């Protein structure tokens, strides 16, 4: 009966993260140009929203793809108060 092969173990017992150098176990300082993931997601959403409005304006000459309902009307959100004579 054959013995199962054993895998070679690495010298470092702790798993490496993305900030560690492969040759030494020291942690590198983050660079100035790294952005957190939440900021990158926010920037991506902002680009998508801007693309939505600009493409709508270029294609239909309106900012909301021709929608003209009550939610676009400013008087729906801010009703005009009538003056009593």
Protein backbone atom coordinates (compact mmCIF):
# COMPACT_ATOMS: atom_id res chain seq x y z
CA UNK A 1 0.00 0.00 0.00
CA UNK A 2 1.38 3.44 -0.98
CA UNK A 3 1.71 6.34 1.39
CA UNK A 4 -0.02 9.58 0.37
CA UNK A 5 2.32 12.33 -0.77
CA UNK A 6 2.78 15.22 1.60
CA UNK A 7 2.85 18.79 0.41
CA UNK A 8 5.83 20.98 1.09
CA UNK A 9 5.17 23.64 3.68
CA UNK A 10 6.24 27.24 3.23
CA UNK A 11 8.80 28.82 5.53
CA UNK A 12 6.35 31.46 6.73
CA UNK A 13 3.62 30.08 8.94
CA UNK A 14 1.33 33.11 8.50
CA UNK A 15 -0.44 33.72 5.19
CA UNK A 16 0.83 36.65 3.15
CA UNK A 17 -1.36 39.64 2.41
CA UNK A 18 -1.21 41.93 -0.62
CA UNK A 19 0.97 44.49 1.20
CA UNK A 20 3.80 42.10 2.04
CA UNK A 21 6.91 41.65 0.01
CA UNK A 22 7.39 38.06 -1.23
CA UNK A 23 11.09 37.99 -0.33
CA UNK A 24 10.82 39.41 3.18
CA UNK A 25 8.00 39.12 5.67
CA UNK A 26 7.85 42.89 6.18
CA UNK A 27 4.74 44.92 5.43
CA UNK A 28 5.04 47.67 2.83
CA UNK A 29 3.65 51.13 3.47
CA UNK A 30 0.59 51.93 1.34
CA UNK A 31 1.19 54.31 -1.55
CA UNK A 32 -0.56 57.66 -1.93
CA UNK A 33 -2.54 56.55 -4.98
CA UNK A 34 -4.40 53.68 -3.35
CA UNK A 35 -8.10 54.40 -2.78
CA UNK A 36 -10.44 52.52 -0.49
CA UNK A 37 -12.95 50.25 -2.17
CA UNK A 38 -15.92 52.29 -0.95
CA UNK A 39 -14.53 55.40 -2.65
CA UNK A 40 -13.94 53.46 -5.87
CA UNK A 41 -17.52 52.16 -5.79
CA UNK A 42 -18.84 55.68 -5.23
CA UNK A 43 -16.80 57.00 -8.15
CA UNK A 44 -18.10 54.19 -10.35
CA UNK A 45 -21.71 54.99 -9.46
CA UNK A 46 -21.15 58.66 -10.14
CA UNK A 47 -19.74 57.87 -13.58
CA UNK A 48 -22.75 55.62 -14.33
CA UNK A 49 -25.25 58.32 -13.32
CA UNK A 50 -23.43 60.94 -15.40
CA UNK A 51 -23.37 58.54 -18.37
CA UNK A 52 -27.14 57.95 -17.97
CA UNK A 53 -28.03 61.64 -18.10
CA UNK A 54 -25.57 62.58 -20.84
CA UNK A 55 -26.53 59.70 -23.11
CA UNK A 56 -30.21 60.54 -22.60
CA UNK A 57 -29.60 64.16 -23.56
CA UNK A 58 -27.56 63.21 -26.63
CA UNK A 59 -30.12 60.71 -27.90
CA UNK A 60 -33.49 62.27 -27.01
CA UNK A 61 -32.66 65.96 -26.30
CA UNK A 62 -34.18 65.52 -22.83
CA UNK A 63 -32.36 64.68 -19.59
CA UNK A 64 -34.77 61.89 -18.55
CA UNK A 65 -35.38 59.96 -21.78
CA UNK A 66 -38.52 61.95 -22.60
CA UNK A 67 -40.24 61.36 -19.24
CA UNK A 68 -42.63 64.19 -18.42
CA UNK A 69 -44.63 62.90 -15.46
CA UNK A 70 -45.60 64.40 -12.14
CA UNK A 71 -42.27 63.55 -10.47
CA UNK A 72 -40.37 65.80 -12.89
CA UNK A 73 -42.69 68.75 -12.31
CA UNK A 74 -41.28 71.04 -9.61
CA UNK A 75 -44.79 72.05 -8.50
CA UNK A 76 -45.36 68.47 -7.35
CA UNK A 77 -42.48 68.76 -4.87
CA UNK A 78 -42.90 72.46 -3.97
CA UNK A 79 -46.56 73.45 -4.29
CA UNK A 80 -47.31 77.08 -5.05
CA UNK A 81 -49.10 78.80 -2.18
CA UNK A 82 -52.02 80.91 -3.28
CA UNK A 83 -52.42 84.41 -1.95
CA UNK A 84 -55.86 85.24 -0.55
CA UNK A 85 -57.11 88.68 -1.73
